[in-house]
Amino acid sequence: MGNDSDNQLIEGEIADYLLTDDGILISYSKNVLRTVENISANVALVKKITNNKKVPLLIYLKNSPVPDKETRKFSTEQLPQIYTAMAMVSKPGLAQLIMKILFKFQNPPIPIKSFTDDKKAREWLKRFL
């Protein structure tokens, strides 16, 4: 088994990605307004990276503008198409804010948990491999 650092960082419009050797997709979020268009392009990028296989996602959150209602709905619908679970790593409070915005009226479509420690996040995600 190789080292994750040997894997290539794949750049996208709203995030950069790294697929680890153990099958966890790491996302480095960018401070970009999400739209239906760039979320669609991002879903296609993730499917290409993972060969259409659903994978657990470890996302390093950045503050970014709040998307409109249509984009939030679309984003929520796309999650179970590409991910088995999502661990959000951020400063305290940011992930909780995003959860409130995205899932105000419904439960998340996949297991989602927020962390301030990425090692704990990776450990939690391993059960969804």
C-alpha atoms as a PDB file:
ATOM      1  CA  MET A   1       0.000   0.000   0.000  1.00  0.00           C
ATOM      2  CA  GLY A   2       1.369   3.399  -0.999  1.00  0.00           C
ATOM      3  CA  ASN A   3       1.390   6.649   0.852  1.00  0.00           C
ATOM      4  CA  ASP A   4      -1.457   9.161   0.431  1.00  0.00           C
ATOM      5  CA  SER A   5       1.132  11.851  -0.329  1.00  0.00           C
ATOM      6  CA  ASP A   6       1.975   9.951  -3.538  1.00  0.00           C
ATOM      7  CA  ASN A   7      -1.572  10.514  -4.782  1.00  0.00           C
ATOM      8  CA  GLN A   8      -2.304  13.480  -6.994  1.00  0.00           C
ATOM      9  CA  LEU A   9      -4.337  16.457  -5.831  1.00  0.00           C
ATOM     10  CA  ILE A  10      -7.153  16.972  -8.330  1.00  0.00           C
ATOM     11  CA  GLU A  11      -8.256  20.570  -8.668  1.00  0.00           C
ATOM     12  CA  GLY A  12     -11.891  21.542  -9.016  1.00  0.00           C
ATOM     13  CA  GLU A  13     -13.852  24.798  -9.028  1.00  0.00           C
ATOM     14  CA  ILE A  14     -15.390  24.485  -5.557  1.00  0.00           C
ATOM     15  CA  ALA A  15     -12.848  22.117  -3.978  1.00  0.00           C
ATOM     16  CA  ASP A  16      -9.634  20.220  -4.576  1.00  0.00           C
ATOM     17  CA  TYR A  17      -9.650  16.452  -4.019  1.00  0.00           C
ATOM     18  CA  LEU A  18      -7.324  13.668  -2.959  1.00  0.00           C
ATOM     19  CA  LEU A  19      -8.366  10.004  -2.984  1.00  0.00           C
ATOM     20  CA  THR A  20      -6.534   8.188  -0.182  1.00  0.00           C
ATOM     21  CA  ASP A  21      -5.133   4.690  -0.474  1.00  0.00           C
ATOM     22  CA  ASP A  22      -7.795   3.413   1.904  1.00  0.00           C
ATOM     23  CA  GLY A  23     -10.596   4.822  -0.290  1.00  0.00           C
ATOM     24  CA  ILE A  24     -11.555   7.992   1.580  1.00  0.00           C
ATOM     25  CA  LEU A  25     -11.995  11.074  -0.604  1.00  0.00           C
ATOM     26  CA  ILE A  26     -10.512  14.206   0.944  1.00  0.00           C
ATOM     27  CA  SER A  27     -11.984  17.537  -0.124  1.00  0.00           C
ATOM     28  CA  TYR A  28     -10.297  20.894   0.444  1.00  0.00           C
ATOM     29  CA  SER A  29     -13.239  23.271   0.170  1.00  0.00           C
ATOM     30  CA  LYS A  30     -12.788  26.633  -1.568  1.00  0.00           C
ATOM     31  CA  ASN A  31     -14.390  29.971  -0.726  1.00  0.00           C
ATOM     32  CA  VAL A  32     -16.651  29.960  -3.799  1.00  0.00           C
ATOM     33  CA  LEU A  33     -20.401  30.551  -4.096  1.00  0.00           C
ATOM     34  CA  ARG A  34     -22.019  27.207  -4.854  1.00  0.00           C
ATOM     35  CA  THR A  35     -24.480  27.147  -7.772  1.00  0.00           C
ATOM     36  CA  VAL A  36     -26.432  24.331  -9.399  1.00  0.00           C
ATOM     37  CA  GLU A  37     -23.979  24.571 -12.317  1.00  0.00           C
ATOM     38  CA  ASN A  38     -20.749  24.266 -10.328  1.00  0.00           C
ATOM     39  CA  ILE A  39     -22.246  21.597  -8.023  1.00  0.00           C
ATOM     40  CA  SER A  40     -23.205  19.604 -11.164  1.00  0.00           C
ATOM     41  CA  ALA A  41     -19.666  19.943 -12.513  1.00  0.00           C
ATOM     42  CA  ASN A  42     -18.295  18.942  -9.112  1.00  0.00           C
ATOM     43  CA  VAL A  43     -20.476  15.810  -8.953  1.00  0.00           C
ATOM     44  CA  ALA A  44     -19.144  14.807 -12.391  1.00  0.00           C
ATOM     45  CA  LEU A  45     -15.566  15.440 -11.189  1.00  0.00           C
ATOM     46  CA  VAL A  46     -16.068  13.327  -8.044  1.00  0.00           C
ATOM     47  CA  LYS A  47     -17.576  10.474 -10.105  1.00  0.00           C
ATOM     48  CA  LYS A  48     -14.542  10.614 -12.402  1.00  0.00           C
ATOM     49  CA  ILE A  49     -12.108  10.538  -9.445  1.00  0.00           C
ATOM     50  CA  THR A  50     -13.907   7.602  -7.781  1.00  0.00           C
ATOM     51  CA  ASN A  51     -14.818   5.684 -10.979  1.00  0.00           C
ATOM     52  CA  ASN A  52     -18.533   6.117 -10.141  1.00  0.00           C
ATOM     53  CA  LYS A  53     -18.041   4.392  -6.773  1.00  0.00           C
ATOM     54  CA  LYS A  54     -19.682   5.924  -3.687  1.00  0.00           C
ATOM     55  CA  VAL A  55     -17.003   6.776  -1.133  1.00  0.00           C
ATOM     56  CA  PRO A  56     -16.762   8.369   2.304  1.00  0.00           C
ATOM     57  CA  LEU A  57     -15.840  12.075   2.157  1.00  0.00           C
ATOM     58  CA  LEU A  58     -13.574  13.966   4.537  1.00  0.00           C
ATOM     59  CA  ILE A  59     -14.146  17.653   3.841  1.00  0.00           C
ATOM     60  CA  TYR A  60     -12.049  20.501   5.187  1.00  0.00           C
ATOM     61  CA  LEU A  61     -14.563  23.333   5.311  1.00  0.00           C
ATOM     62  CA  LYS A  62     -13.857  26.953   4.451  1.00  0.00           C
ATOM     63  CA  ASN A  63     -16.185  29.863   5.005  1.00  0.00           C
ATOM     64  CA  SER A  64     -18.012  30.403   1.735  1.00  0.00           C
ATOM     65  CA  PRO A  65     -21.069  32.390   0.649  1.00  0.00           C
ATOM     66  CA  VAL A  66     -24.448  30.800   1.460  1.00  0.00           C
ATOM     67  CA  PRO A  67     -25.943  29.294  -1.715  1.00  0.00           C
ATOM     68  CA  ASP A  68     -29.530  29.931  -2.759  1.00  0.00           C
ATOM     69  CA  LYS A  69     -32.364  27.574  -1.819  1.00  0.00           C
ATOM     70  CA  GLU A  70     -32.386  25.759  -5.196  1.00  0.00           C
ATOM     71  CA  THR A  71     -28.631  25.070  -4.952  1.00  0.00           C
ATOM     72  CA  ARG A  72     -28.924  23.822  -1.357  1.00  0.00           C
ATOM     73  CA  LYS A  73     -31.751  21.451  -2.377  1.00  0.00           C
ATOM     74  CA  PHE A  74     -29.801  20.203  -5.404  1.00  0.00           C
ATOM     75  CA  SER A  75     -26.639  19.705  -3.340  1.00  0.00           C
ATOM     76  CA  THR A  76     -28.536  17.671  -0.732  1.00  0.00           C
ATOM     77  CA  GLU A  77     -30.043  15.473  -3.473  1.00  0.00           C
ATOM     78  CA  GLN A  78     -26.594  14.784  -4.949  1.00  0.00           C
ATOM     79  CA  LEU A  79     -24.902  13.667  -1.707  1.00  0.00           C
ATOM     80  CA  PRO A  80     -26.220  10.063  -1.652  1.00  0.00           C
ATOM     81  CA  GLN A  81     -25.340   9.673  -5.356  1.00  0.00           C
ATOM     82  CA  ILE A  82     -21.601  10.045  -4.702  1.00  0.00           C
ATOM     83  CA  TYR A  83     -20.876   9.609  -0.977  1.00  0.00           C
ATOM     84  CA  THR A  84     -21.500   6.930   1.655  1.00  0.00           C
ATOM     85  CA  ALA A  85     -20.859   9.366   4.528  1.00  0.00           C
ATOM     86  CA  MET A  86     -19.366  12.803   5.157  1.00  0.00           C
ATOM     87  CA  ALA A  87     -17.063  14.010   7.922  1.00  0.00           C
ATOM     88  CA  MET A  88     -16.707  17.788   8.059  1.00  0.00           C
ATOM     89  CA  VAL A  89     -13.538  19.194   9.629  1.00  0.00           C
ATOM     90  CA  SER A  90     -13.586  22.855  10.599  1.00  0.00           C
ATOM     91  CA  LYS A  91     -13.117  25.377  13.330  1.00  0.00           C
ATOM     92  CA  PRO A  92     -15.797  24.982  16.022  1.00  0.00           C
ATOM     93  CA  GLY A  93     -19.171  26.307  14.864  1.00  0.00           C
ATOM     94  CA  LEU A  94     -18.656  26.389  11.083  1.00  0.00           C
ATOM     95  CA  ALA A  95     -19.831  22.832  10.369  1.00  0.00           C
ATOM     96  CA  GLN A  96     -22.822  23.276  12.654  1.00  0.00           C
ATOM     97  CA  LEU A  97     -23.781  26.443  10.767  1.00  0.00           C
ATOM     98  CA  ILE A  98     -23.547  24.643   7.416  1.00  0.00           C
ATOM     99  CA  MET A  99     -25.615  21.733   8.771  1.00  0.00           C
ATOM    100  CA  LYS A 100     -28.313  24.182   9.913  1.00  0.00           C
ATOM    101  CA  ILE A 101     -28.382  25.875   6.510  1.00  0.00           C
ATOM    102  CA  LEU A 102     -28.381  22.687   4.403  1.00  0.00           C
ATOM    103  CA  PHE A 103     -30.609  20.497   6.538  1.00  0.00           C
ATOM    104  CA  LYS A 104     -32.939  22.996   8.178  1.00  0.00           C
ATOM    105  CA  PHE A 105     -36.121  21.145   7.186  1.00  0.00           C
ATOM    106  CA  GLN A 106     -34.917  17.577   6.731  1.00  0.00           C
ATOM    107  CA  ASN A 107     -32.397  15.072   7.972  1.00  0.00           C
ATOM    108  CA  PRO A 108     -29.182  14.581   5.992  1.00  0.00           C
ATOM    109  CA  PRO A 109     -29.499  11.924   3.255  1.00  0.00           C
ATOM    110  CA  ILE A 110     -26.235  10.232   4.373  1.00  0.00           C
ATOM    111  CA  PRO A 111     -24.438   9.962   7.735  1.00  0.00           C
ATOM    112  CA  ILE A 112     -22.782  13.331   8.413  1.00  0.00           C
ATOM    113  CA  LYS A 113     -20.719  14.307  11.420  1.00  0.00           C
ATOM    114  CA  SER A 114     -18.597  17.349  12.227  1.00  0.00           C
ATOM    115  CA  PHE A 115     -15.134  17.258  13.748  1.00  0.00           C
ATOM    116  CA  THR A 116     -12.355  19.624  14.751  1.00  0.00           C
ATOM    117  CA  ASP A 117      -9.815  16.737  14.651  1.00  0.00           C
ATOM    118  CA  ASP A 118      -9.198  15.152  11.230  1.00  0.00           C
ATOM    119  CA  LYS A 119      -7.735  11.933  12.718  1.00  0.00           C
ATOM    120  CA  LYS A 120     -11.020  11.306  14.546  1.00  0.00           C
ATOM    121  CA  ALA A 121     -12.913  12.158  11.348  1.00  0.00           C
ATOM    122  CA  ARG A 122     -10.919   9.582   9.338  1.00  0.00           C
ATOM    123  CA  GLU A 123     -11.456   6.926  12.005  1.00  0.00           C
ATOM    124  CA  TRP A 124     -15.214   7.560  11.941  1.00  0.00           C
ATOM    125  CA  LEU A 125     -15.311   7.405   8.114  1.00  0.00           C
ATOM    126  CA  LYS A 126     -13.561   4.023   7.959  1.00  0.00           C
ATOM    127  CA  ARG A 127     -16.794   2.278   8.961  1.00  0.00           C
ATOM    128  CA  PHE A 128     -18.370   3.535   5.696  1.00  0.00           C
ATOM    129  CA  LEU A 129     -15.719   2.120   3.351  1.00  0.00           C
END
